[in-house]
N, C-alpha and C. Protein backbone atom coordinates (compact mmCIF):
# COMPACT_ATOMS: atom_id res chain seq x y z
N MET A 1 -39.72 -52.63 50.25
CA MET A 1 -40.56 -53.43 51.10
C MET A 1 -41.23 -54.51 50.24
N PRO A 2 -41.16 -55.77 50.67
CA PRO A 2 -41.77 -56.85 49.87
C PRO A 2 -43.30 -56.77 49.95
N PRO A 3 -43.96 -57.30 48.95
CA PRO A 3 -45.43 -57.30 48.99
C PRO A 3 -45.93 -58.23 50.10
N PRO A 4 -47.14 -58.00 50.60
CA PRO A 4 -47.68 -58.87 51.65
C PRO A 4 -47.91 -60.29 51.12
N ARG A 5 -47.81 -61.26 52.03
CA ARG A 5 -48.10 -62.64 51.64
C ARG A 5 -49.59 -62.76 51.33
N LYS A 6 -49.92 -63.64 50.39
CA LYS A 6 -51.32 -63.80 50.02
C LYS A 6 -52.17 -64.27 51.20
N VAL A 7 -51.60 -65.10 52.05
CA VAL A 7 -52.35 -65.57 53.22
C VAL A 7 -52.74 -64.38 54.12
N ASP A 8 -51.88 -63.38 54.18
CA ASP A 8 -52.17 -62.21 54.99
C ASP A 8 -53.26 -61.33 54.37
N LEU A 9 -53.58 -61.56 53.11
CA LEU A 9 -54.62 -60.79 52.43
C LEU A 9 -56.00 -61.43 52.58
N LEU A 10 -56.05 -62.61 53.21
CA LEU A 10 -57.33 -63.29 53.38
C LEU A 10 -58.25 -62.50 54.31
N PRO A 11 -59.56 -62.52 54.03
CA PRO A 11 -60.51 -61.92 54.99
C PRO A 11 -60.42 -62.68 56.32
N ALA A 12 -60.74 -62.02 57.40
CA ALA A 12 -60.59 -62.58 58.74
C ALA A 12 -61.31 -63.92 58.91
N GLU A 13 -62.52 -64.03 58.37
CA GLU A 13 -63.28 -65.28 58.54
C GLU A 13 -62.63 -66.45 57.80
N LEU A 14 -62.04 -66.20 56.65
CA LEU A 14 -61.36 -67.27 55.91
C LEU A 14 -60.01 -67.60 56.54
N LYS A 15 -59.34 -66.63 57.11
CA LYS A 15 -58.07 -66.91 57.79
C LYS A 15 -58.34 -67.75 59.03
N SER A 16 -59.41 -67.45 59.74
CA SER A 16 -59.79 -68.25 60.90
C SER A 16 -60.14 -69.68 60.48
N TRP A 17 -60.90 -69.81 59.38
CA TRP A 17 -61.22 -71.15 58.86
C TRP A 17 -59.94 -71.90 58.50
N LEU A 18 -59.00 -71.21 57.88
CA LEU A 18 -57.73 -71.83 57.48
C LEU A 18 -56.97 -72.33 58.70
N GLN A 19 -56.90 -71.53 59.74
CA GLN A 19 -56.19 -71.94 60.95
C GLN A 19 -56.85 -73.17 61.58
N ASP A 20 -58.17 -73.18 61.63
CA ASP A 20 -58.89 -74.35 62.17
C ASP A 20 -58.65 -75.57 61.30
N ALA A 21 -58.70 -75.39 59.99
CA ALA A 21 -58.50 -76.51 59.06
C ALA A 21 -57.08 -77.07 59.17
N LEU A 22 -56.10 -76.22 59.36
CA LEU A 22 -54.73 -76.68 59.53
C LEU A 22 -54.61 -77.57 60.77
N LYS A 23 -55.21 -77.14 61.87
CA LYS A 23 -55.16 -77.93 63.10
C LYS A 23 -55.88 -79.26 62.92
N GLU A 24 -57.07 -79.22 62.31
CA GLU A 24 -57.85 -80.44 62.10
C GLU A 24 -57.12 -81.45 61.23
N ARG A 25 -56.39 -80.97 60.26
CA ARG A 25 -55.69 -81.86 59.31
C ARG A 25 -54.28 -82.20 59.77
N GLY A 26 -53.94 -81.81 60.97
CA GLY A 26 -52.62 -82.13 61.49
C GLY A 26 -51.50 -81.43 60.75
N PHE A 27 -51.77 -80.25 60.25
CA PHE A 27 -50.79 -79.45 59.51
C PHE A 27 -50.24 -80.22 58.31
N GLY A 28 -51.13 -80.87 57.58
CA GLY A 28 -50.76 -81.62 56.39
C GLY A 28 -51.88 -81.50 55.36
N GLY A 29 -51.71 -82.19 54.24
CA GLY A 29 -52.72 -82.18 53.18
C GLY A 29 -52.89 -80.82 52.52
N TYR A 30 -51.76 -80.21 52.19
CA TYR A 30 -51.80 -78.84 51.69
C TYR A 30 -52.44 -78.72 50.31
N GLU A 31 -52.30 -79.73 49.46
CA GLU A 31 -52.93 -79.64 48.14
C GLU A 31 -54.44 -79.59 48.26
N GLU A 32 -55.00 -80.48 49.07
CA GLU A 32 -56.45 -80.50 49.27
C GLU A 32 -56.90 -79.23 49.97
N LEU A 33 -56.11 -78.77 50.93
CA LEU A 33 -56.44 -77.54 51.64
C LEU A 33 -56.45 -76.34 50.69
N ALA A 34 -55.49 -76.28 49.79
CA ALA A 34 -55.45 -75.19 48.81
C ALA A 34 -56.69 -75.24 47.92
N ASP A 35 -57.08 -76.44 47.50
CA ASP A 35 -58.29 -76.57 46.68
C ASP A 35 -59.52 -76.09 47.45
N ASP A 36 -59.64 -76.52 48.72
CA ASP A 36 -60.79 -76.11 49.53
C ASP A 36 -60.82 -74.60 49.75
N LEU A 37 -59.67 -74.03 50.06
CA LEU A 37 -59.60 -72.59 50.31
C LEU A 37 -59.92 -71.81 49.05
N ASN A 38 -59.35 -72.21 47.92
CA ASN A 38 -59.60 -71.50 46.67
C ASN A 38 -61.07 -71.63 46.24
N PHE A 39 -61.69 -72.76 46.54
CA PHE A 39 -63.12 -72.92 46.26
C PHE A 39 -63.92 -71.93 47.10
N ARG A 40 -63.57 -71.80 48.37
CA ARG A 40 -64.27 -70.85 49.24
C ARG A 40 -64.06 -69.41 48.77
N LEU A 41 -62.83 -69.10 48.36
CA LEU A 41 -62.55 -67.75 47.85
C LEU A 41 -63.38 -67.46 46.61
N GLU A 42 -63.46 -68.43 45.72
CA GLU A 42 -64.24 -68.25 44.49
C GLU A 42 -65.72 -68.09 44.80
N GLU A 43 -66.23 -68.90 45.73
CA GLU A 43 -67.64 -68.81 46.11
C GLU A 43 -67.99 -67.44 46.65
N GLU A 44 -67.07 -66.84 47.40
CA GLU A 44 -67.33 -65.54 48.01
C GLU A 44 -66.97 -64.38 47.09
N GLY A 45 -66.52 -64.69 45.87
CA GLY A 45 -66.29 -63.65 44.87
C GLY A 45 -64.92 -62.99 44.93
N TYR A 46 -63.97 -63.60 45.62
CA TYR A 46 -62.62 -63.04 45.69
C TYR A 46 -61.79 -63.54 44.50
N ALA A 47 -60.98 -62.67 43.93
CA ALA A 47 -60.11 -63.05 42.81
C ALA A 47 -58.80 -63.67 43.32
N LEU A 48 -58.56 -63.60 44.60
CA LEU A 48 -57.36 -64.12 45.21
C LEU A 48 -57.32 -65.65 45.13
N ARG A 49 -56.17 -66.21 44.75
CA ARG A 49 -55.96 -67.66 44.73
C ARG A 49 -54.64 -67.94 45.44
N ILE A 50 -54.61 -68.98 46.24
CA ILE A 50 -53.43 -69.29 47.04
C ILE A 50 -52.95 -70.69 46.70
N GLN A 51 -51.65 -70.82 46.43
CA GLN A 51 -51.05 -72.11 46.08
C GLN A 51 -50.64 -72.86 47.34
N LYS A 52 -50.44 -74.16 47.17
CA LYS A 52 -50.09 -75.00 48.31
C LYS A 52 -48.76 -74.61 48.94
N THR A 53 -47.83 -74.08 48.16
CA THR A 53 -46.54 -73.69 48.73
C THR A 53 -46.71 -72.54 49.73
N ALA A 54 -47.59 -71.61 49.41
CA ALA A 54 -47.85 -70.49 50.33
C ALA A 54 -48.54 -71.01 51.59
N LEU A 55 -49.45 -71.96 51.43
CA LEU A 55 -50.12 -72.54 52.59
C LEU A 55 -49.15 -73.35 53.44
N HIS A 56 -48.24 -74.05 52.79
CA HIS A 56 -47.25 -74.84 53.53
C HIS A 56 -46.37 -73.93 54.38
N SER A 57 -45.91 -72.85 53.80
CA SER A 57 -45.08 -71.90 54.53
C SER A 57 -45.84 -71.32 55.73
N PHE A 58 -47.08 -70.90 55.49
CA PHE A 58 -47.91 -70.36 56.57
C PHE A 58 -48.19 -71.45 57.61
N GLY A 59 -48.47 -72.66 57.15
CA GLY A 59 -48.79 -73.77 58.04
C GLY A 59 -47.64 -74.10 58.98
N GLN A 60 -46.42 -74.06 58.47
CA GLN A 60 -45.25 -74.34 59.32
C GLN A 60 -45.11 -73.27 60.41
N GLU A 61 -45.30 -72.01 60.04
CA GLU A 61 -45.22 -70.93 61.02
C GLU A 61 -46.34 -71.05 62.05
N TYR A 62 -47.53 -71.36 61.58
CA TYR A 62 -48.68 -71.47 62.48
C TYR A 62 -48.54 -72.68 63.41
N ALA A 63 -48.00 -73.78 62.91
CA ALA A 63 -47.79 -74.98 63.73
C ALA A 63 -46.83 -74.65 64.88
N GLU A 64 -45.79 -73.90 64.59
CA GLU A 64 -44.84 -73.51 65.63
C GLU A 64 -45.51 -72.60 66.65
N PHE A 65 -46.33 -71.67 66.18
CA PHE A 65 -47.06 -70.78 67.08
C PHE A 65 -47.97 -71.59 68.00
N VAL A 66 -48.70 -72.55 67.45
CA VAL A 66 -49.61 -73.38 68.24
C VAL A 66 -48.83 -74.19 69.27
N LYS A 67 -47.68 -74.72 68.87
CA LYS A 67 -46.84 -75.49 69.79
C LYS A 67 -46.42 -74.63 70.98
N TYR A 68 -45.94 -73.42 70.72
CA TYR A 68 -45.51 -72.54 71.80
C TYR A 68 -46.70 -72.11 72.66
N GLN A 69 -47.83 -71.90 72.05
CA GLN A 69 -49.03 -71.53 72.79
C GLN A 69 -49.45 -72.66 73.73
N ASP A 70 -49.40 -73.90 73.24
CA ASP A 70 -49.73 -75.05 74.07
C ASP A 70 -48.74 -75.21 75.22
N GLU A 71 -47.45 -75.00 74.94
CA GLU A 71 -46.43 -75.10 75.98
C GLU A 71 -46.64 -74.02 77.05
N ALA A 72 -46.97 -72.82 76.63
CA ALA A 72 -47.21 -71.73 77.58
C ALA A 72 -48.45 -72.02 78.42
N ALA A 73 -49.48 -72.58 77.82
CA ALA A 73 -50.69 -72.91 78.57
C ALA A 73 -50.40 -74.00 79.59
N ALA A 74 -49.59 -74.99 79.22
CA ALA A 74 -49.23 -76.06 80.15
C ALA A 74 -48.40 -75.51 81.30
N TRP A 75 -47.47 -74.62 81.00
CA TRP A 75 -46.65 -74.01 82.04
C TRP A 75 -47.53 -73.20 82.99
N ALA A 76 -48.45 -72.42 82.44
CA ALA A 76 -49.33 -71.60 83.27
C ALA A 76 -50.23 -72.47 84.15
N ALA A 77 -50.69 -73.59 83.63
CA ALA A 77 -51.54 -74.49 84.41
C ALA A 77 -50.75 -75.11 85.57
N ASP A 78 -49.48 -75.41 85.32
CA ASP A 78 -48.63 -75.99 86.37
C ASP A 78 -48.23 -74.96 87.42
N TRP A 79 -48.14 -73.72 87.04
CA TRP A 79 -47.70 -72.67 87.93
C TRP A 79 -48.80 -72.37 88.90
């Protein structure tokens, strides 16, 4: 079994912040986002550090999830 992704190891409040930040930034700016996230992790005393490649991978998956969620909401509103 492969080890869990670092993004999945984030505390719930930081994962929620990450998801909001991804939407606000249009699912781009991963280098700056990695810096911001790692700064927050350091401030809160976590030894975990996440690189931009891990954020990019997570961001692509999350962008697709948001797209499908928006499509489902539009379909439900029309129904």
